[in-house]
């Protein structure tokens, strides 16, 4: 029995196959909902907001790709884990599914145990992501000292007893199928994360994730991590007087020289020189007012 009684929606036009999944997974402790076609499946998903969706691809009227695309465009259902279970197994089909934001792709015939393993893996990954995001917003701001790091992840930093609001505007593009990746980076960029950490968090190999993110966003995972750190570095350099070493540490860098090299590559100046130039600009703007 699955201890959490998670709700799963099965969208399958073949009644025998659909009922097989419904009964088999219900026996494992899941709360099951069935839909006989894509349009009904979308309505059920929007009504019940299940914890996971299992969907066939080849169905009359509306295929599984259209179902996935519709659910990913609706904020209510955009991040629900989605597993394709279908008889189609060509490379093009799998690629299209992943580009649309599918979380897994199983081919028929699949045993109930294979399906169950895929479900549990996706639910655990979703639970971990929700936990990390919850921790991000629950962290209390802390003072920035040599022995501690700032509460950047909480959206507020405290420097020299002054509370500074961090800009909430995201540097990440709005790409639903990469939301999980960007959410993880946003929650952990200041912890020294790497491509491998992101890949483990979202359940893909590093090589596959690199290709997927590059093809969809035009940049690699590592590039997005660095971009997020560099954006935060600019904010911190311009809005407080802490040392470059402390700011580098707060952004997850163990080596301040590494931080300075990356900063110069992205902004054309070393951190200290950039700070002097931009703090001077800010002071002039204040005097104009």
Protein backbone atom coordinates (compact mmCIF):
# COMPACT_ATOMS: atom_id res chain seq x y z
CA UNK A 1 0.00 0.00 0.00
CA UNK A 2 1.29 3.45 -0.90
CA UNK A 3 1.28 5.37 2.34
CA UNK A 4 0.38 8.78 0.96
CA UNK A 5 -2.80 7.78 -0.93
CA UNK A 6 -1.76 9.92 -3.88
CA UNK A 7 -4.33 10.62 -6.59
CA UNK A 8 -3.42 9.37 -10.07
CA UNK A 9 -5.26 10.10 -13.30
CA UNK A 10 -5.10 7.48 -16.08
CA UNK A 11 -6.01 8.73 -19.57
CA UNK A 12 -6.44 5.72 -21.85
CA UNK A 13 -9.01 5.12 -24.61
CA UNK A 14 -8.86 1.32 -24.38
CA UNK A 15 -11.24 0.39 -21.56
CA UNK A 16 -9.59 -2.97 -20.82
CA UNK A 17 -6.14 -1.42 -20.45
CA UNK A 18 -7.50 1.54 -18.50
CA UNK A 19 -9.34 -0.64 -16.02
CA UNK A 20 -6.27 -2.85 -15.61
CA UNK A 21 -4.20 0.16 -14.56
CA UNK A 22 -6.95 1.56 -12.36
CA UNK A 23 -7.53 -1.67 -10.44
CA UNK A 24 -3.86 -2.63 -10.21
CA UNK A 25 -2.74 0.73 -8.84
CA UNK A 26 -5.78 1.04 -6.59
CA UNK A 27 -4.72 -2.24 -5.00
CA UNK A 28 -1.37 -0.58 -4.23
CA UNK A 29 -3.10 2.16 -2.25
CA UNK A 30 -3.47 4.92 -4.82
CA UNK A 31 -6.60 7.01 -5.28
CA UNK A 32 -7.38 6.35 -8.95
CA UNK A 33 -9.30 8.40 -11.52
CA UNK A 34 -9.86 7.30 -15.12
CA UNK A 35 -10.60 9.14 -18.36
CA UNK A 36 -11.56 7.54 -21.67
CA UNK A 37 -10.02 10.19 -23.94
CA UNK A 38 -7.82 13.27 -23.95
CA UNK A 39 -10.53 15.90 -23.63
CA UNK A 40 -12.13 14.16 -20.66
CA UNK A 41 -8.66 13.68 -19.18
CA UNK A 42 -7.94 17.41 -19.31
CA UNK A 43 -11.27 18.16 -17.64
CA UNK A 44 -10.53 15.59 -14.92
CA UNK A 45 -7.04 16.98 -14.35
CA UNK A 46 -8.36 20.54 -14.00
CA UNK A 47 -11.14 19.37 -11.69
CA UNK A 48 -9.23 16.95 -9.44
CA UNK A 49 -5.64 18.27 -9.81
CA UNK A 50 -4.10 14.79 -9.40
CA UNK A 51 -0.63 14.13 -8.04
CA UNK A 52 0.40 12.38 -11.26
CA UNK A 53 -0.97 11.71 -14.76
CA UNK A 54 -0.49 8.56 -16.84
CA UNK A 55 -1.47 9.02 -20.47
CA UNK A 56 -1.53 7.11 -23.75
CA UNK A 57 -0.35 8.93 -26.88
CA UNK A 58 -2.44 7.45 -29.68
CA UNK A 59 -6.05 8.31 -28.91
CA UNK A 60 -8.94 9.52 -31.09
CA UNK A 61 -9.88 13.20 -31.22
CA UNK A 62 -6.98 14.42 -29.05
CA UNK A 63 -3.64 12.63 -28.75
CA UNK A 64 -1.44 12.47 -25.67
CA UNK A 65 0.91 15.19 -26.91
CA UNK A 66 -1.98 17.65 -27.08
CA UNK A 67 -3.09 16.62 -23.59
CA UNK A 68 0.40 17.23 -22.18
CA UNK A 69 0.78 20.56 -23.97
CA UNK A 70 -2.61 21.75 -22.67
CA UNK A 71 -1.84 20.75 -19.09
CA UNK A 72 1.58 22.41 -19.20
CA UNK A 73 -0.01 25.71 -20.29
CA UNK A 74 -2.43 25.78 -17.35
CA UNK A 75 -0.83 27.10 -14.12
CA UNK A 76 -3.09 24.77 -12.12
CA UNK A 77 -1.72 21.64 -13.80
CA UNK A 78 1.63 22.81 -15.19
CA UNK A 79 3.89 20.99 -12.72
CA UNK A 80 1.94 17.74 -12.29
CA UNK A 81 4.29 14.80 -13.05
CA UNK A 82 3.29 13.29 -16.40
CA UNK A 83 4.13 9.77 -17.61
CA UNK A 84 3.44 8.54 -21.12
CA UNK A 85 2.58 4.83 -21.35
CA UNK A 86 2.20 3.91 -24.99
CA UNK A 87 2.89 1.36 -27.69
CA UNK A 88 4.84 3.91 -29.73
CA UNK A 89 8.56 3.68 -29.05
CA UNK A 90 10.35 5.49 -31.89
CA UNK A 91 13.16 7.89 -31.04
CA UNK A 92 11.16 10.76 -32.56
CA UNK A 93 8.16 10.01 -30.33
CA UNK A 94 10.26 9.88 -27.17
CA UNK A 95 12.07 13.08 -28.11
CA UNK A 96 8.82 14.93 -28.81
CA UNK A 97 7.39 13.80 -25.47
CA UNK A 98 10.41 15.05 -23.55
CA UNK A 99 10.50 18.35 -25.41
CA UNK A 100 6.88 18.96 -24.40
CA UNK A 101 7.78 18.35 -20.76
CA UNK A 102 6.95 14.68 -20.08
CA UNK A 103 8.59 13.31 -16.95
CA UNK A 104 8.87 9.71 -18.11
CA UNK A 105 8.09 7.51 -21.12
CA UNK A 106 7.18 3.82 -20.79
CA UNK A 107 6.35 1.52 -23.67
CA UNK A 108 3.68 -1.16 -23.74
CA UNK A 109 3.62 -3.86 -22.72
CA UNK A 110 4.83 -2.79 -19.27
CA UNK A 111 4.30 -4.74 -16.08
CA UNK A 112 2.49 -3.20 -13.12
CA UNK A 113 5.76 -3.30 -11.16
CA UNK A 114 7.56 -1.29 -13.87
CA UNK A 115 4.79 1.28 -13.88
CA UNK A 116 4.76 1.40 -10.09
CA UNK A 117 8.51 2.06 -9.94
CA UNK A 118 8.16 4.91 -12.42
CA UNK A 119 5.28 6.41 -10.41
CA UNK A 120 7.08 6.21 -7.08
CA UNK A 121 10.24 7.73 -8.57
CA UNK A 122 8.31 10.69 -10.00
CA UNK A 123 6.31 11.27 -6.82
CA UNK A 124 9.44 11.17 -4.68
CA UNK A 125 11.16 13.64 -6.99
CA UNK A 126 8.15 15.96 -6.83
CA UNK A 127 8.06 15.70 -3.03
CA UNK A 128 11.77 16.56 -2.83
CA UNK A 129 11.31 19.58 -5.07
CA UNK A 130 8.37 20.81 -3.00
CA UNK A 131 10.43 20.35 0.17
CA UNK A 132 13.36 22.31 -1.24
CA UNK A 133 11.06 25.12 -2.39
CA UNK A 134 9.34 25.20 1.01
CA UNK A 135 12.70 25.42 2.76
CA UNK A 136 13.64 28.28 0.47
CA UNK A 137 10.73 30.42 1.61
CA UNK A 138 10.81 29.33 5.26
CA UNK A 139 14.45 30.26 5.87
CA UNK A 140 14.71 33.26 8.15
CA UNK A 141 17.09 36.06 7.19
CA UNK A 142 20.43 35.83 8.99
CA UNK A 143 23.26 38.26 9.67
CA UNK A 144 26.14 37.98 7.22
CA UNK A 145 29.35 37.09 9.09
CA UNK A 146 32.59 35.29 8.31
CA UNK A 147 31.19 32.11 9.84
CA UNK A 148 27.79 32.29 8.24
CA UNK A 149 26.12 32.97 4.89
CA UNK A 150 23.32 35.34 4.10
CA UNK A 151 19.75 34.17 3.75
CA UNK A 152 19.74 34.81 0.03
CA UNK A 153 17.43 31.88 -0.67
CA UNK A 154 14.67 33.45 1.40
CA UNK A 155 14.48 36.47 -0.86
CA UNK A 156 15.82 38.86 1.82
CA UNK A 157 19.43 39.55 2.79
CA UNK A 158 20.70 41.28 5.91
CA UNK A 159 23.95 43.20 5.59
CA UNK A 160 25.44 45.37 8.35
CA UNK A 161 22.10 45.32 10.20
CA UNK A 162 20.26 46.66 7.15
CA UNK A 163 17.56 44.63 5.47
CA UNK A 164 17.88 44.66 1.70
CA UNK A 165 15.17 43.32 -0.58
CA UNK A 166 16.42 41.17 -3.43
CA UNK A 167 14.83 41.72 -6.81
CA UNK A 168 12.12 39.15 -7.46
CA UNK A 169 12.37 39.44 -11.25
CA UNK A 170 13.54 36.08 -12.54
CA UNK A 171 16.39 35.79 -15.02
CA UNK A 172 14.95 32.49 -16.24
CA UNK A 173 12.76 32.27 -19.36
CA UNK A 174 9.19 31.04 -19.01
CA UNK A 175 9.57 27.49 -20.36
CA UNK A 176 7.11 25.12 -18.62
CA UNK A 177 9.08 21.97 -19.43
CA UNK A 178 12.17 23.43 -17.72
CA UNK A 179 10.35 24.88 -14.70
CA UNK A 180 11.61 22.09 -12.46
CA UNK A 181 15.20 22.77 -13.49
CA UNK A 182 14.95 26.54 -13.01
CA UNK A 183 13.10 26.17 -9.69
CA UNK A 184 15.89 23.99 -8.33
CA UNK A 185 18.59 26.39 -9.51
CA UNK A 186 16.72 29.33 -7.98
CA UNK A 187 16.41 27.55 -4.65
CA UNK A 188 20.02 26.34 -4.48
CA UNK A 189 22.28 28.52 -6.68
CA UNK A 190 23.99 29.96 -3.59
CA UNK A 191 24.95 26.50 -2.28
CA UNK A 192 27.65 25.68 -4.83
CA UNK A 193 25.45 23.32 -6.87
CA UNK A 194 26.66 21.71 -10.10
CA UNK A 195 25.09 20.13 -13.16
CA UNK A 196 25.16 16.75 -11.38
CA UNK A 197 23.12 18.13 -8.45
CA UNK A 198 20.46 19.49 -10.80
CA UNK A 199 20.35 16.24 -12.80
CA UNK A 200 19.83 14.16 -9.65
CA UNK A 201 17.11 16.54 -8.44
CA UNK A 202 15.08 16.31 -11.65
CA UNK A 203 15.75 12.63 -12.32
CA UNK A 204 17.76 12.70 -15.56
CA UNK A 205 21.31 11.90 -16.55
CA UNK A 206 23.67 14.86 -16.76
CA UNK A 207 24.22 14.35 -20.48
CA UNK A 208 20.51 14.14 -21.31
CA UNK A 209 19.66 17.14 -19.14
CA UNK A 210 22.43 19.21 -20.72
CA UNK A 211 21.13 18.51 -24.22
CA UNK A 212 17.51 19.08 -23.25
CA UNK A 213 18.14 22.43 -21.56
CA UNK A 214 20.50 23.59 -24.33
CA UNK A 215 18.04 22.77 -27.10
CA UNK A 216 15.08 24.29 -25.29
CA UNK A 217 16.63 27.42 -23.79
CA UNK A 218 19.77 28.02 -25.82
CA UNK A 219 22.00 27.73 -22.74
CA UNK A 220 23.42 24.86 -20.68
CA UNK A 221 22.51 24.07 -17.08
CA UNK A 222 25.90 25.26 -15.88
CA UNK A 223 25.46 28.50 -17.78
CA UNK A 224 22.10 29.16 -16.06
CA UNK A 225 23.65 28.46 -12.64
CA UNK A 226 26.44 30.96 -13.31
CA UNK A 227 24.02 33.53 -14.78
CA UNK A 228 21.89 33.38 -11.64
CA UNK A 229 24.94 33.80 -9.42
CA UNK A 230 26.24 36.70 -11.49
CA UNK A 231 22.88 38.48 -11.35
CA UNK A 232 22.87 38.14 -7.56
CA UNK A 233 26.51 39.23 -7.39
CA UNK A 234 25.64 42.51 -9.14
CA UNK A 235 22.80 43.16 -6.72
CA UNK A 236 24.95 42.46 -3.67
CA UNK A 237 27.93 44.48 -4.89
CA UNK A 238 25.74 47.48 -5.61
CA UNK A 239 23.61 47.37 -2.46
CA UNK A 240 26.03 46.64 0.39
CA UNK A 241 29.63 47.20 1.41
CA UNK A 242 30.62 43.65 2.30
CA UNK A 243 33.90 42.33 0.92
CA UNK A 244 34.11 40.50 -2.38
CA UNK A 245 35.29 37.45 -0.44
CA UNK A 246 32.13 37.40 1.68
CA UNK A 247 29.88 37.87 -1.33
CA UNK A 248 31.66 35.06 -3.18
CA UNK A 249 31.15 32.78 -0.17
CA UNK A 250 27.46 33.69 0.02
CA UNK A 251 27.05 32.69 -3.62
CA UNK A 252 28.56 29.25 -3.12
CA UNK A 253 32.12 29.91 -4.26
CA UNK A 254 34.97 28.34 -2.28
CA UNK A 255 37.59 30.25 -4.25
CA UNK A 256 37.21 34.03 -4.55
CA UNK A 257 39.56 34.02 -7.56
CA UNK A 258 37.17 31.70 -9.40
CA UNK A 259 34.29 34.03 -8.58
CA UNK A 260 36.25 37.08 -9.76
CA UNK A 261 37.21 35.41 -13.06
CA UNK A 262 33.61 34.44 -13.82
CA UNK A 263 32.38 37.90 -12.86
CA UNK A 264 34.87 39.57 -15.18
CA UNK A 265 33.92 37.23 -18.02
CA UNK A 266 30.25 38.15 -17.64
CA UNK A 267 30.49 41.86 -16.81
CA UNK A 268 33.79 43.00 -18.29
CA UNK A 269 35.24 44.26 -15.01
CA UNK A 270 36.55 42.72 -11.78
CA UNK A 271 33.95 42.79 -8.97
CA UNK A 272 35.54 45.68 -7.05
CA UNK A 273 35.91 47.86 -10.14
CA UNK A 274 32.34 47.07 -11.20
CA UNK A 275 31.11 48.01 -7.72
CA UNK A 276 32.88 51.39 -7.75
CA UNK A 277 31.49 52.24 -11.16
CA UNK A 278 27.90 51.23 -10.41
CA UNK A 279 27.72 52.54 -6.87
CA UNK A 280 28.95 55.87 -8.25
CA UNK A 281 26.20 55.81 -10.87
CA UNK A 282 23.61 55.05 -8.18
CA UNK A 283 24.83 57.94 -6.00
CA UNK A 284 24.59 60.36 -8.93
CA UNK A 285 21.06 59.20 -9.64
CA UNK A 286 20.10 59.78 -5.99
CA UNK A 287 21.51 63.36 -6.12
CA UNK A 288 19.51 64.07 -9.27
CA UNK A 289 16.36 63.33 -7.34
